Protein backbone atom coordinates (compact mmCIF):
# COMPACT_ATOMS: atom_id res chain seq x y z
CA MET A 1 -49.46 -101.72 -9.93
CA ALA A 2 -45.97 -102.26 -10.99
CA LYS A 3 -42.65 -99.89 -11.10
CA LYS A 4 -41.42 -99.06 -14.45
CA PHE A 5 -37.59 -99.68 -14.57
CA TYR A 6 -35.01 -98.15 -16.50
CA THR A 7 -32.67 -101.21 -17.56
CA VAL A 8 -29.18 -99.55 -18.17
CA LEU A 9 -26.66 -101.86 -19.86
CA LEU A 10 -22.50 -100.94 -19.00
CA VAL A 11 -20.24 -103.05 -21.38
CA PRO A 12 -16.87 -101.90 -20.48
CA ASP A 13 -15.10 -104.25 -22.90
CA ALA A 14 -14.94 -106.82 -25.06
CA SER A 15 -13.76 -109.50 -22.73
CA SER A 16 -15.33 -107.83 -19.38
CA GLN A 17 -19.11 -108.89 -18.21
CA ILE A 18 -22.23 -107.01 -18.63
CA ARG A 19 -23.55 -104.68 -15.89
CA THR A 20 -26.70 -104.35 -16.05
CA PHE A 21 -28.89 -101.97 -13.26
CA HIS A 22 -32.19 -100.93 -13.29
CA ILE A 23 -33.49 -98.21 -11.81
CA ALA A 24 -36.86 -96.98 -11.27
CA LYS A 25 -38.35 -94.04 -13.45
CA PRO A 26 -39.46 -92.10 -10.13
CA LEU A 27 -35.76 -92.28 -9.18
CA LEU A 28 -34.82 -91.17 -12.44
CA ALA A 29 -36.39 -88.23 -12.58
CA ALA A 30 -35.45 -87.37 -8.95
CA LEU A 31 -31.95 -87.78 -11.00
CA ALA A 32 -32.29 -85.57 -13.19
CA ALA A 33 -34.08 -82.95 -10.90
CA SER A 34 -31.83 -82.73 -8.43
CA ALA A 35 -28.68 -82.01 -11.21
CA ALA A 36 -30.94 -79.85 -12.66
CA LEU A 37 -30.99 -77.96 -9.39
CA VAL A 38 -27.07 -78.28 -8.67
CA CYS A 39 -26.72 -76.64 -12.27
CA VAL A 40 -29.49 -74.10 -11.09
CA ALA A 41 -27.38 -72.67 -8.02
CA PHE A 42 -24.43 -73.62 -9.87
CA LEU A 43 -24.85 -70.65 -12.28
CA PHE A 44 -26.70 -68.67 -9.31
CA PHE A 45 -23.17 -68.66 -7.02
CA ILE A 46 -20.88 -67.89 -10.72
CA TYR A 47 -23.66 -64.47 -11.55
CA GLN A 48 -23.62 -63.47 -7.93
CA ALA A 49 -19.50 -63.78 -7.59
CA VAL A 50 -19.71 -61.86 -10.70
CA SER A 51 -22.15 -59.69 -9.66
CA LEU A 52 -20.20 -59.29 -6.26
CA ASN A 53 -16.68 -58.33 -7.88
CA GLY A 54 -18.79 -55.42 -9.55
CA HIS A 55 -20.05 -53.96 -6.35
CA MET A 56 -16.89 -54.50 -4.84
CA LEU A 57 -15.05 -52.16 -7.86
CA GLU A 58 -17.62 -49.89 -7.76
CA LEU A 59 -17.17 -49.57 -4.00
CA ARG A 60 -13.21 -49.07 -5.29
CA ARG A 61 -14.13 -46.92 -7.55
CA LEU A 62 -16.89 -44.89 -4.77
CA ARG A 63 -14.08 -44.64 -2.46
CA VAL A 64 -11.18 -43.59 -4.63
CA ALA A 65 -13.61 -40.81 -5.87
CA ALA A 66 -14.62 -39.37 -2.64
CA SER A 67 -11.59 -39.01 -1.49
CA GLN A 68 -10.31 -36.96 -4.49
CA GLN A 69 -13.44 -35.35 -4.05
CA GLY A 70 -12.39 -34.41 -0.58
CA HIS A 71 -9.13 -33.23 -1.86
CA LEU A 72 -10.71 -31.34 -4.36
CA LEU A 73 -13.12 -29.79 -1.92
CA GLY A 74 -10.66 -29.27 0.80
CA LYS A 75 -8.49 -26.74 -2.79
CA VAL A 76 -10.79 -24.96 -3.44
CA ASP A 77 -11.99 -24.12 0.51
CA ARG A 78 -7.76 -23.30 0.91
CA LEU A 79 -8.06 -21.14 -2.97
CA GLY A 80 -11.25 -19.36 -1.44
CA ALA A 81 -9.44 -18.60 1.81
CA GLU A 82 -6.56 -17.34 -0.01
CA LEU A 83 -8.64 -14.88 -2.77
CA ALA A 84 -9.93 -13.31 0.35
CA GLY A 85 -7.24 -12.65 1.65
CA LEU A 86 -6.15 -11.82 -1.25
CA ARG A 87 -8.88 -9.41 -1.78
CA GLU A 88 -8.25 -7.65 1.72
CA PHE A 89 -4.51 -7.07 0.71
CA ASP A 90 -5.48 -5.59 -2.21
CA ALA A 91 -7.76 -3.33 -0.50
CA ARG A 92 -5.70 -2.31 2.05
CA LEU A 93 -3.27 -1.26 -0.70
CA ARG A 94 -5.75 1.03 -2.41
CA THR A 95 -6.66 3.05 0.84
CA ALA A 96 -2.98 3.36 1.68
CA ALA A 97 -2.38 4.80 -1.92
CA GLY A 98 -5.11 6.83 -2.10
CA LEU A 99 -5.96 5.41 -5.47
CA GLU A 100 -9.24 4.21 -6.51
CA ALA A 101 -10.78 1.26 -4.61
CA LYS A 102 -11.39 -1.95 -7.67
CA GLU A 103 -14.89 -3.15 -7.98
CA ARG A 104 -16.78 -4.30 -4.39
CA GLU A 105 -15.74 -8.23 -3.38
CA GLY A 106 -17.68 -10.66 -6.19
CA SER A 107 -18.09 -9.05 -8.40
CA PHE A 108 -15.50 -10.21 -11.00
CA VAL A 109 -16.51 -12.14 -14.00
CA GLY A 110 -17.40 -16.18 -13.28
CA THR A 111 -18.46 -19.34 -14.41
CA GLY A 112 -21.89 -20.81 -12.89
CA GLY A 113 -23.91 -17.57 -12.24
CA ALA A 114 -25.61 -16.78 -8.81
CA ASP A 115 -26.55 -20.59 -9.24
CA THR A 116 -22.70 -21.73 -8.27
CA PRO A 117 -22.29 -21.73 -4.33
CA SER A 118 -19.68 -20.30 -2.84
CA SER A 119 -16.43 -22.38 -1.33
CA GLY A 120 -17.47 -21.28 2.10
CA THR A 121 -20.86 -22.90 1.59
CA LEU A 122 -19.44 -25.83 -0.26
CA MET A 123 -17.40 -26.37 2.92
CA ALA A 124 -20.93 -25.59 5.19
CA ALA A 125 -22.53 -28.53 2.88
CA ALA A 126 -19.56 -30.88 3.82
CA VAL A 127 -20.23 -29.99 7.09
CA ALA A 128 -23.66 -31.34 7.01
CA HIS A 129 -22.59 -34.54 5.50
CA GLN A 130 -23.71 -32.45 2.15
CA THR A 131 -21.09 -33.54 -0.70
CA PRO A 132 -21.00 -31.79 -3.75
CA SER A 133 -21.03 -32.79 -6.89
CA ALA A 134 -17.88 -32.80 -8.63
CA ASP A 135 -19.55 -30.80 -11.72
CA THR A 136 -20.54 -28.18 -8.64
CA LEU A 137 -16.86 -28.61 -7.09
CA THR A 138 -15.49 -27.70 -10.76
CA ARG A 139 -17.81 -24.57 -11.50
CA GLU A 140 -16.78 -23.48 -8.14
CA LEU A 141 -12.63 -24.17 -9.55
CA ASP A 142 -13.96 -22.34 -12.79
CA ARG A 143 -15.12 -19.56 -10.67
CA LEU A 144 -11.68 -19.39 -8.68
CA SER A 145 -9.63 -19.76 -11.50
CA HIS A 146 -11.96 -16.36 -13.49
CA GLU A 147 -11.28 -14.70 -10.41
CA MET A 148 -8.07 -15.23 -9.67
CA ILE A 149 -6.93 -13.83 -12.97
CA ASP A 150 -8.80 -11.09 -12.25
CA ARG A 151 -7.17 -10.06 -9.04
CA SER A 152 -3.43 -10.29 -10.71
CA LYS A 153 -4.36 -7.69 -13.39
CA SER A 154 -6.12 -6.18 -10.41
CA PHE A 155 -2.65 -6.40 -9.06
CA GLN A 156 -0.83 -5.29 -12.28
CA GLU A 157 -2.87 -2.08 -12.15
CA LEU A 158 -2.13 -1.19 -8.18
CA ILE A 159 1.09 -2.10 -9.30
CA ASP A 160 1.31 0.31 -12.10
CA GLN A 161 -0.19 2.93 -10.02
CA LEU A 162 1.78 2.99 -7.52
CA GLU A 163 4.86 3.36 -9.57
CA ALA A 164 3.57 6.42 -11.72
CA LYS A 165 3.59 7.85 -7.79
CA ARG A 166 6.12 6.47 -7.15
CA GLY A 167 7.68 8.09 -9.57
CA ILE A 168 6.14 11.53 -9.07
CA LEU A 169 7.02 10.76 -5.62
CA ALA A 170 11.08 10.86 -6.33
CA ALA A 171 10.48 14.64 -8.43
CA THR A 172 8.63 15.95 -5.77
CA PRO A 173 11.56 18.05 -3.94
CA THR A 174 10.43 17.20 -0.43
CA ILE A 175 13.48 18.40 1.10
CA TRP A 176 15.73 22.03 1.72
CA PRO A 177 18.47 21.67 -0.50
CA VAL A 178 21.03 23.42 2.17
CA LYS A 179 20.25 23.79 5.75
CA GLY A 180 20.73 27.03 7.01
CA TRP A 181 18.25 30.39 7.93
CA LEU A 182 15.29 31.00 6.10
CA THR A 183 15.84 35.25 6.17
CA ALA A 184 13.25 35.81 3.50
CA GLY A 185 9.53 33.96 2.70
CA PHE A 186 7.96 33.21 -0.78
CA GLY A 187 5.29 36.06 -1.83
CA HIS A 188 5.77 39.89 -1.97
CA ARG A 189 8.08 41.72 0.05
CA ARG A 190 10.39 44.86 0.30
CA SER A 191 12.98 44.67 -2.12
CA PRO A 192 16.11 45.30 -0.23
CA PHE A 193 17.31 46.94 -3.58
CA THR A 194 14.90 49.03 -4.30
CA GLY A 195 12.78 49.34 -1.61
CA GLN A 196 9.84 48.71 -3.75
CA ARG A 197 7.44 45.82 -3.49
CA GLN A 198 7.74 43.45 -5.46
CA MET A 199 7.07 39.21 -5.71
CA HIS A 200 9.41 36.63 -4.04
CA GLU A 201 9.61 33.73 -5.75
CA GLY A 202 11.83 31.54 -4.13
CA VAL A 203 12.73 31.74 -0.40
CA ASP A 204 16.35 33.01 0.73
CA ILE A 205 18.22 30.40 3.14
CA SER A 206 21.09 31.92 4.36
CA ASN A 207 24.42 29.97 5.72
CA SER A 208 28.13 30.36 5.19
CA VAL A 209 30.00 30.62 1.55
CA GLY A 210 30.59 26.98 0.62
CA THR A 211 28.27 25.16 2.68
CA SER A 212 26.90 22.58 0.26
CA ILE A 213 23.55 22.21 -1.16
CA VAL A 214 22.03 18.38 -3.11
CA ALA A 215 19.06 18.19 -5.04
CA PRO A 216 16.20 17.99 -3.46
CA ALA A 217 14.46 15.30 -5.75
CA GLU A 218 15.64 13.03 -8.66
CA GLY A 219 16.17 14.92 -12.24
CA ILE A 220 18.17 16.08 -15.00
CA VAL A 221 20.71 18.92 -15.19
CA SER A 222 18.70 21.60 -17.66
CA TYR A 223 21.31 24.31 -17.18
CA ALA A 224 24.34 25.41 -15.39
CA GLY A 225 26.50 28.03 -15.23
CA PRO A 226 25.51 32.30 -15.07
CA LEU A 227 22.71 34.21 -15.26
CA GLY A 228 22.58 38.00 -14.77
CA GLY A 229 22.06 38.77 -11.40
CA PHE A 230 21.23 35.72 -10.14
CA GLY A 231 25.02 34.66 -10.50
CA ASN A 232 25.97 31.00 -10.30
CA VAL A 233 22.86 29.06 -10.75
CA VAL A 234 21.48 25.72 -11.82
CA SER A 235 17.94 24.38 -13.06
CA ILE A 236 17.46 20.72 -13.30
CA ASP A 237 14.31 19.68 -14.78
CA HIS A 238 12.36 16.64 -12.66
CA GLY A 239 9.99 15.49 -14.92
CA HIS A 240 6.35 15.98 -14.07
CA LYS A 241 5.73 19.51 -14.92
CA ILE A 242 8.18 20.27 -12.25
CA SER A 243 11.59 22.09 -11.95
CA THR A 244 14.04 23.61 -8.93
CA PHE A 245 16.23 26.59 -9.74
CA TYR A 246 19.15 27.56 -7.38
CA ALA A 247 21.01 31.05 -7.29
CA HIS A 248 23.74 32.95 -5.95
CA LEU A 249 26.48 29.91 -6.17
CA GLN A 250 29.44 29.61 -4.82
CA ARG A 251 30.66 27.03 -8.33
CA HIS A 252 28.18 24.45 -9.50
CA LYS A 253 29.69 20.59 -9.32
CA VAL A 254 26.96 19.15 -12.04
CA SER A 255 26.56 19.91 -15.69
CA ARG A 256 23.87 20.14 -18.01
CA GLY A 257 22.33 16.87 -18.71
CA GLN A 258 23.18 15.36 -15.87
CA ARG A 259 21.37 12.59 -13.88
CA VAL A 260 21.11 13.60 -10.24
CA LYS A 261 18.82 11.72 -7.31
CA ARG A 262 17.69 12.98 -4.07
CA GLY A 263 20.68 14.25 -1.24
CA ASP A 264 23.64 14.32 -4.50
CA VAL A 265 25.53 17.10 -3.97
CA ILE A 266 24.71 19.84 -7.14
CA ALA A 267 26.55 23.29 -6.11
CA SER A 268 27.65 24.93 -3.06
CA LEU A 269 26.59 28.00 -1.73
CA GLY A 270 28.09 31.63 -2.58
CA THR A 271 28.05 35.12 -2.93
CA THR A 272 28.26 35.46 -6.16
CA GLY A 273 25.59 37.87 -8.65
CA ARG A 274 23.31 40.65 -6.57
CA VAL A 275 23.44 39.54 -3.26
CA THR A 276 24.16 41.57 0.11
CA GLY A 277 25.40 38.50 1.68
CA PRO A 278 25.83 34.62 1.07
CA HIS A 279 22.80 32.91 0.38
CA LEU A 280 20.47 30.54 -1.86
CA HIS A 281 17.95 31.97 -3.53
CA TYR A 282 15.18 28.82 -4.29
CA GLU A 283 12.58 28.20 -6.61
CA ILE A 284 10.17 25.34 -7.47
CA GLN A 285 8.25 25.73 -10.29
CA VAL A 286 5.41 23.31 -11.22
CA GLY A 287 4.12 23.28 -14.73
CA GLY A 288 5.51 26.91 -15.35
CA ALA A 289 4.52 28.74 -12.36
CA ALA A 290 6.65 29.77 -9.23
CA VAL A 291 4.96 27.78 -5.84
CA ASP A 292 6.17 28.38 -2.09
CA PRO A 293 8.59 25.31 -1.81
CA SER A 294 7.84 25.45 1.99
CA LYS A 295 4.50 23.96 1.15
CA TYR A 296 6.76 20.63 -0.71
CA VAL A 297 8.86 20.13 2.33
CA ILE A 298 8.30 17.25 5.14
CA ASP A 299 11.86 17.97 6.99
CA THR A 300 10.93 21.15 7.90
CA ALA A 301 13.71 21.22 11.40
CA THR A 302 16.60 21.01 8.25
CA VAL A 303 15.73 24.91 7.63
CA LYS A 304 15.25 27.26 10.22
CA PHE A 305 13.20 30.91 9.96
CA LEU A 306 14.84 34.01 11.02
CA GLY A 307 13.69 38.16 10.48
CA ASP A 308 10.68 39.89 9.32
CA GLY A 309 11.35 38.91 5.18
CA GLU A 310 13.57 41.97 4.42
CA SER A 311 16.07 40.10 3.43
CA ALA A 312 18.91 40.31 0.77
CA GLU A 313 17.32 38.64 -2.60
């Protein structure tokens, strides 16, 4: 059976010789198939190259995301640890200051509800190679952020309460106003002048004339001058319904309206008024009622007790 051929004529130009090629039909079909296969292979390699480049970009993006996620996870863990320390510090401060405890740990308002894991749970998951999702980390950061705001409010509340207590402490007469000997205590006693039992609304502290008398707490002088049988006196308003009274002074060294601090010299001990000897008559009043000064004093060594309370008034 004769083979079929295809004749191909090549005519370079008008002056050149025409060239003739005979190509068998099966060979032409094989060449066409080979060309098609080469084209398909070329297109396939182009597709693979583009796809591989896309995968490499995605892998790079995932690596960056994983790095950021790891950084975020570390940030969540550090923030959680800091908040735990702040919670403990807050509780200790409140206990030391005698203030009401804040809500129990974990009661702060946050986002995510019961389904939001704690930072400790997130770190445990990371150690187990179960990296938390970005949404989970975001919710945890939101929760910690809300708790940080609440903790800040708690500290401000604590500061305000401590400041209020500081004001009360500064206004409380916690030291004796003069050194000496306690010759008459607070309470009912027999008067050295009438012999009758009567209420002694302060204490008498004896020492030599001219001994300095100091303010036992900060306050404002409400009166400084003579007052009948008490002789020269000074009265100080300490605020918070607390006031102190000093009588039988040699002279006062403050004036009405003057602000004084604990330890400031306000007068000198004397014998003015109705007395039998040099001493200071000292009173503390709370809400207008006389109270025992010795109940407020911290430094009890400054004044020593002498006698049985039958001293001068």
